[in-house]
Structures are given as structure tokens and as C-alpha cells.
Amino acid sequence: MHGARARHSTSVRSIKRRWISAASDSTPCVRPFSPRPGRALARQNTTRLTGSNTAPSPYELVLGDELDALHPRLRAYFDGIPDGSTGVGSGVFERVGTPRLWLWPVLWLLEREGVLFPVWSARVPFTVRNCPVIDAAGNTAVLASREFRFSARRPFGRDREMTDAITAERGRLVDHLGTQRRYAARLRAEVVDGELHLVSTRVSVRFGRFAIPIPTSIAPVVRLVERFDAKSGLQHVSVVVESPRLGRLYEYAGSFSYSVVPGAW
């Protein structure tokens, strides 16, 4: 077990280095993010989190006081993570993947960059680690690594890792998917009855130094809901990827416990 944790620690440090460096290789088809008036002071504290400062999270930069309408435990989850600490959660996804086997060849390609996997499984244990970073483009981000532990008794049963990072760019939330930041989804956020609802409004693919938007008529739509269940004391997450023409393409949903612990990746 100790060896497995050491290998995972090495893995996430490698992902962090690759992800931050990949930010300098992309040129979005919009002007770079600059903080809105009144938010500049907050961003001054985010140049790779030195000292005892806690930088504001991308959610705080974009949503501001709207976050106060979240359940208190969710509000803490979306707060900034203190310097030198990591957010760690563990739980079980009730379902992961898609039963549409014709999608699996595409998912095999996406798996190579830690985006999605060609699986359809239930009761999958997982661990998530959240780390605050400043990417090479100067954007405040929370880099997340999710380790899925698939049963060895199932086809293609082995551990897999999903990587993404939520950034604050031009007053918007943007989710960069994969270790190479090749895919990005601009997100609209809304607080509903103490839950956070996110839905993608634009999806783009990076080719070389340019990010090309996928036409809305064919672009996949990502929907995420985060909520806290006071009865179980667990946080619940549901992610669904849909197509305007084909319906549900991919999903994962489950519950987990979460805390911020000393020590960085």
C-alpha cells in the first residue's frame, strides 16, 4: 500500500508539471484573461501561493458572494485551498462510463490524455486530489486528479486517472480537460437550493497553438451537479455528457467525503 501511494504521488506531481507547462502551448481565440475591476487585489495573492496566503479559488473569483447560497460544506469545498495543502476526497462512484460500445474507440483515444475511459462499471472506488495552481497563462486554477480503481475481475479492470483543471478566465469558469489541456469547456454556474449546477456553453479543441470551438449543433454538453447530503454526511457529484443529437454519451456519479490536509503534491 505504501508503494502504491508513493507511485501515485509521483504520478500527480508529473501531471501537475505537464499541465502547467501545457498552458503556455495554447493560444485561445480570445484575448487573455484580465481580472475585472475590484478583483485585481484578490489575484495579486495568487502567484503560486507562497507564504501563508490562501488564494481565492476560481469559483470565488467568478461567482463571488453567490457562493454563500451553497450548503456550508459545499461552500468550504469551493473555497480556496491554503498554501501547502491539498484537498483530498475518497468515495464510490455508483456508475462510470457508457454502455454504448461504439463510442469506446474514441474513448480509448481520450484515455491516453486522462479525459474519459472506455468503461461501463458500477460501485467504483475513487480518490480525488485538488491542488491550487497558477498556470503558465497566469490563470488561477484548481488542478484535480481523480484515481478510479476498477475491479480486476471486470474487462479492462485496472486503475485509471482523470485530470482536469477549473480556471478563472475573463470572468468565466473554464474546465481544461486532460493532461495536455487539449479540450476545454466554458461553464455557466448557478446555485440552486444549496447545490452548484454547472453546464457547458462552449466546447473547444486545441490544435497546435489555437483553440477551435466545436459548433453548438454538434458539441457535447457537460452537466455537473455538486450537492451535500446532511443525512449521510457525504458530498454527491453527478457528471453527464450529452449530445444534442445522440442523447447521453457518458456519465459518472457517486458520493465521497472530503477534507483539506497539510502537504502539497
Protein backbone atom coordinates (compact mmCIF):
# COMPACT_ATOMS: atom_id res chain seq x y z
CA MET A 1 0.00 0.00 0.00
CA HIS A 2 2.79 2.40 0.84
CA GLY A 3 4.41 1.74 -2.53
CA ALA A 4 1.11 2.41 -4.32
CA ARG A 5 0.74 5.77 -2.57
CA ALA A 6 4.32 6.70 -3.47
CA ARG A 7 3.71 5.83 -7.13
CA HIS A 8 0.52 7.87 -7.16
CA SER A 9 2.28 10.85 -5.56
CA THR A 10 4.94 10.71 -8.27
CA SER A 11 2.20 10.44 -10.89
CA VAL A 12 0.26 13.51 -9.77
CA ARG A 13 3.41 15.60 -9.50
CA SER A 14 4.21 14.64 -13.09
CA ILE A 15 0.67 15.54 -14.19
CA LYS A 16 0.96 18.90 -12.44
CA ARG A 17 4.20 19.75 -14.26
CA ARG A 18 2.82 18.67 -17.65
CA TRP A 19 -0.46 20.51 -17.18
CA ILE A 20 1.11 23.83 -16.13
CA SER A 21 3.64 23.71 -18.97
CA ALA A 22 0.90 22.84 -21.49
CA ALA A 23 -0.85 26.13 -20.72
CA SER A 24 1.97 28.02 -22.42
CA ASP A 25 1.49 26.00 -25.62
CA SER A 26 -2.07 27.13 -26.33
CA THR A 27 -3.28 30.39 -27.81
CA PRO A 28 -7.02 30.84 -27.24
CA CYS A 29 -9.03 32.54 -29.95
CA VAL A 30 -9.94 35.28 -27.46
CA ARG A 31 -7.84 37.82 -25.65
CA PRO A 32 -6.14 36.65 -22.43
CA PHE A 33 -7.99 36.81 -19.12
CA SER A 34 -7.64 40.01 -17.16
CA PRO A 35 -9.32 40.47 -13.79
CA ARG A 36 -12.36 42.69 -13.57
CA PRO A 37 -12.10 45.90 -11.55
CA GLY A 38 -12.29 45.08 -7.87
CA ARG A 39 -10.84 41.60 -8.37
CA ALA A 40 -7.27 42.69 -9.14
CA LEU A 41 -6.29 42.77 -5.48
CA ALA A 42 -7.52 39.21 -4.96
CA ARG A 43 -5.45 37.97 -7.90
CA GLN A 44 -2.32 39.62 -6.56
CA ASN A 45 -2.23 36.88 -3.91
CA THR A 46 -2.26 34.01 -6.41
CA THR A 47 1.23 33.92 -7.92
CA ARG A 48 1.88 30.34 -6.85
CA LEU A 49 0.67 30.59 -3.39
CA THR A 50 3.68 31.42 -1.30
CA GLY A 51 3.75 32.21 2.38
CA SER A 52 0.61 31.71 4.45
CA ASN A 53 -1.82 33.25 1.93
CA THR A 54 -4.87 31.36 0.75
CA ALA A 55 -5.55 32.40 -2.82
CA PRO A 56 -9.19 32.77 -3.89
CA SER A 57 -10.45 29.82 -5.87
CA PRO A 58 -11.66 30.22 -9.48
CA TYR A 59 -15.22 29.82 -8.16
CA GLU A 60 -14.75 32.72 -5.74
CA LEU A 61 -13.26 34.92 -8.46
CA VAL A 62 -16.15 34.28 -10.83
CA LEU A 63 -19.17 33.78 -8.55
CA GLY A 64 -18.22 35.94 -5.57
CA ASP A 65 -20.99 36.26 -2.97
CA GLU A 66 -23.24 33.85 -4.88
CA LEU A 67 -21.26 31.02 -3.28
CA ASP A 68 -22.71 31.98 0.11
CA ALA A 69 -26.01 30.43 -1.00
CA LEU A 70 -24.38 26.98 -1.12
CA HIS A 71 -24.68 24.45 1.68
CA PRO A 72 -21.91 25.37 4.18
CA ARG A 73 -20.00 22.16 3.48
CA LEU A 74 -20.10 22.83 -0.26
CA ARG A 75 -19.10 26.44 0.36
CA ALA A 76 -15.97 25.17 2.09
CA TYR A 77 -15.28 22.75 -0.79
CA PHE A 78 -15.28 25.58 -3.35
CA ASP A 79 -13.19 27.94 -1.19
CA GLY A 80 -9.52 28.50 -1.89
CA ILE A 81 -7.13 25.81 -0.64
CA PRO A 82 -4.39 27.11 1.71
CA ASP A 83 -0.80 27.21 0.54
CA GLY A 84 0.99 23.94 1.18
CA SER A 85 -2.25 21.95 1.46
CA THR A 86 -4.22 19.59 -0.76
CA GLY A 87 -7.92 18.81 -0.88
CA VAL A 88 -8.41 15.04 -0.67
CA GLY A 89 -11.65 13.12 -1.08
CA SER A 90 -12.49 9.42 -1.23
CA GLY A 91 -15.69 7.61 -2.02
CA VAL A 92 -17.51 5.44 -4.53
CA PHE A 93 -18.97 6.19 -7.93
CA GLU A 94 -22.22 4.26 -8.35
CA ARG A 95 -21.72 4.20 -12.11
CA VAL A 96 -18.97 5.25 -14.51
CA GLY A 97 -18.77 5.31 -18.30
CA THR A 98 -21.16 4.37 -21.08
CA PRO A 99 -22.80 1.17 -22.32
CA ARG A 100 -22.56 2.45 -25.91
CA LEU A 101 -19.71 0.29 -27.16
CA TRP A 102 -19.49 2.13 -30.47
CA LEU A 103 -18.11 5.10 -28.51
CA TRP A 104 -15.27 3.12 -26.97
CA PRO A 105 -12.71 3.60 -29.80
CA VAL A 106 -12.98 7.37 -29.27
CA LEU A 107 -12.78 6.91 -25.51
CA TRP A 108 -9.59 4.85 -25.88
CA LEU A 109 -8.00 7.90 -27.51
CA LEU A 110 -9.30 10.22 -24.79
CA GLU A 111 -7.98 7.87 -22.09
CA ARG A 112 -4.42 8.46 -23.28
CA GLU A 113 -4.70 12.06 -22.04
CA GLY A 114 -6.70 11.32 -18.89
CA VAL A 115 -10.03 12.68 -20.13
CA LEU A 116 -12.52 9.77 -20.23
CA PHE A 117 -12.27 5.96 -20.25
CA PRO A 118 -13.85 3.14 -22.32
CA VAL A 119 -15.71 1.51 -19.41
CA TRP A 120 -19.19 0.81 -18.06
CA SER A 121 -18.86 -0.08 -14.39
CA ALA A 122 -20.67 0.20 -11.08
CA ARG A 123 -19.50 0.72 -7.49
CA VAL A 124 -16.07 2.10 -8.45
CA PRO A 125 -13.91 3.36 -5.53
CA PHE A 126 -12.10 6.62 -6.24
CA THR A 127 -9.82 9.24 -4.75
CA VAL A 128 -9.75 12.90 -5.80
CA ARG A 129 -6.94 15.36 -5.07
CA ASN A 130 -7.36 19.11 -5.62
CA CYS A 131 -4.39 21.44 -5.81
CA PRO A 132 -4.38 25.24 -6.31
CA VAL A 133 -2.05 26.42 -9.08
CA ILE A 134 -1.32 29.34 -11.35
CA ASP A 135 -0.94 28.10 -14.92
CA ALA A 136 1.62 29.44 -17.39
CA ALA A 137 -1.02 31.77 -18.83
CA GLY A 138 -1.41 33.40 -15.40
CA ASN A 139 -4.86 31.98 -14.69
CA THR A 140 -5.95 30.95 -11.20
CA ALA A 141 -6.82 27.25 -11.31
CA VAL A 142 -7.66 24.21 -9.23
CA LEU A 143 -5.97 21.15 -10.70
CA ALA A 144 -7.79 17.88 -9.95
CA SER A 145 -6.61 14.30 -10.23
CA ARG A 146 -9.22 11.53 -9.90
CA GLU A 147 -8.00 7.98 -9.44
CA PHE A 148 -10.58 5.33 -10.39
CA ARG A 149 -9.95 1.83 -9.03
CA PHE A 150 -11.77 -0.56 -11.35
CA SER A 151 -12.21 -4.18 -10.31
CA ALA A 152 -9.60 -6.53 -11.77
CA ARG A 153 -12.43 -9.04 -12.31
CA ARG A 154 -14.03 -6.81 -14.95
CA PRO A 155 -12.86 -6.41 -18.57
CA PHE A 156 -10.12 -3.77 -18.77
CA GLY A 157 -10.13 -3.68 -14.97
CA ARG A 158 -7.24 -1.53 -13.77
CA ASP A 159 -6.68 1.83 -12.11
CA ARG A 160 -7.20 4.87 -14.30
CA GLU A 161 -6.62 8.56 -13.75
CA MET A 162 -8.69 11.53 -14.91
CA THR A 163 -7.19 15.03 -14.93
CA ASP A 164 -8.83 18.41 -15.32
CA ALA A 165 -8.49 21.95 -14.05
CA ILE A 166 -11.07 24.65 -13.45
CA THR A 167 -9.71 28.09 -14.26
CA ALA A 168 -10.99 31.65 -13.97
CA GLU A 169 -10.62 33.34 -17.37
CA ARG A 170 -12.16 36.69 -18.30
CA GLY A 171 -14.70 36.37 -15.53
CA ARG A 172 -15.78 32.88 -16.62
CA LEU A 173 -15.16 29.34 -15.40
CA VAL A 174 -13.34 27.18 -17.92
CA ASP A 175 -12.64 23.47 -17.43
CA HIS A 176 -9.46 22.29 -19.16
CA LEU A 177 -9.62 18.53 -19.66
CA GLY A 178 -6.72 16.11 -19.78
CA THR A 179 -3.01 16.27 -19.10
CA GLN A 180 -2.35 18.22 -22.31
CA ARG A 181 -5.21 20.77 -21.97
CA ARG A 182 -6.36 19.76 -25.45
CA TYR A 183 -10.05 20.06 -24.63
CA ALA A 184 -11.82 22.91 -22.83
CA ALA A 185 -15.39 23.59 -21.76
CA ARG A 186 -16.65 27.04 -20.82
CA LEU A 187 -19.08 26.67 -17.93
CA ARG A 188 -22.15 28.54 -16.74
CA ALA A 189 -22.59 28.25 -12.97
CA GLU A 190 -25.77 28.54 -10.91
CA VAL A 191 -26.56 27.94 -7.25
CA VAL A 192 -29.86 26.07 -6.90
CA ASP A 193 -31.27 25.13 -3.46
CA GLY A 194 -27.79 24.99 -1.93
CA GLU A 195 -26.35 22.96 -4.84
CA LEU A 196 -23.88 24.05 -7.50
CA HIS A 197 -25.01 23.41 -11.07
CA LEU A 198 -22.55 23.75 -13.96
CA VAL A 199 -23.36 23.40 -17.66
CA SER A 200 -21.03 23.88 -20.60
CA THR A 201 -21.84 26.68 -23.03
CA ARG A 202 -18.89 26.17 -25.38
CA VAL A 203 -16.50 23.28 -26.02
CA SER A 204 -13.24 23.72 -27.91
CA VAL A 205 -10.37 21.54 -29.10
CA ARG A 206 -6.79 22.77 -29.26
CA PHE A 207 -4.80 22.23 -32.44
CA GLY A 208 -1.25 23.46 -32.05
CA ARG A 209 -1.47 26.94 -30.55
CA PHE A 210 -5.13 27.53 -31.40
CA ALA A 211 -8.35 26.53 -29.62
CA ILE A 212 -11.12 25.84 -32.15
CA PRO A 213 -14.73 25.93 -30.87
CA ILE A 214 -16.96 22.98 -31.80
CA PRO A 215 -20.21 24.15 -33.44
CA THR A 216 -23.03 24.25 -30.91
CA SER A 217 -25.22 21.99 -33.02
CA ILE A 218 -22.83 19.06 -32.58
CA ALA A 219 -20.82 19.97 -29.47
CA PRO A 220 -21.23 17.71 -26.43
CA VAL A 221 -22.86 19.35 -23.40
CA VAL A 222 -21.39 18.71 -19.96
CA ARG A 223 -23.69 18.96 -16.93
CA LEU A 224 -22.39 18.76 -13.38
CA VAL A 225 -24.25 18.92 -10.07
CA GLU A 226 -22.50 19.08 -6.69
CA ARG A 227 -24.61 18.77 -3.54
CA PHE A 228 -24.20 17.84 0.11
CA ASP A 229 -26.44 15.30 1.83
CA ALA A 230 -26.72 16.15 5.52
CA LYS A 231 -28.27 12.77 6.33
CA SER A 232 -25.32 10.72 5.04
CA GLY A 233 -22.71 13.42 5.72
CA LEU A 234 -21.35 12.91 2.20
CA GLN A 235 -20.87 15.12 -0.82
CA HIS A 236 -22.54 13.95 -4.02
CA VAL A 237 -21.38 14.64 -7.57
CA SER A 238 -23.06 13.85 -10.86
CA VAL A 239 -21.48 14.47 -14.27
CA VAL A 240 -23.31 13.78 -17.54
CA VAL A 241 -22.02 14.33 -21.08
CA GLU A 242 -24.83 14.64 -23.63
CA SER A 243 -25.13 15.17 -27.36
CA PRO A 244 -27.86 17.36 -28.86
CA ARG A 245 -28.48 14.60 -31.42
CA LEU A 246 -27.49 11.35 -29.69
CA GLY A 247 -28.52 11.86 -26.08
CA ARG A 248 -26.43 10.67 -23.13
CA LEU A 249 -22.85 9.80 -24.09
CA TYR A 250 -21.06 9.39 -20.75
CA GLU A 251 -21.68 9.72 -17.04
CA TYR A 252 -20.29 9.23 -13.59
CA ALA A 253 -22.00 9.84 -10.28
CA GLY A 254 -21.36 9.00 -6.65
CA SER A 255 -20.59 10.26 -3.17
CA PHE A 256 -17.46 10.99 -1.16
CA SER A 257 -16.02 12.53 1.98
CA TYR A 258 -13.59 15.43 1.61
CA SER A 259 -11.12 17.40 3.68
CA VAL A 260 -8.14 19.70 3.21
CA VAL A 261 -4.95 18.18 4.58
CA PRO A 262 -1.41 19.53 5.07
CA GLY A 263 1.06 18.76 2.31
CA ALA A 264 1.17 19.62 -1.38
CA TRP A 265 1.50 17.34 -4.39
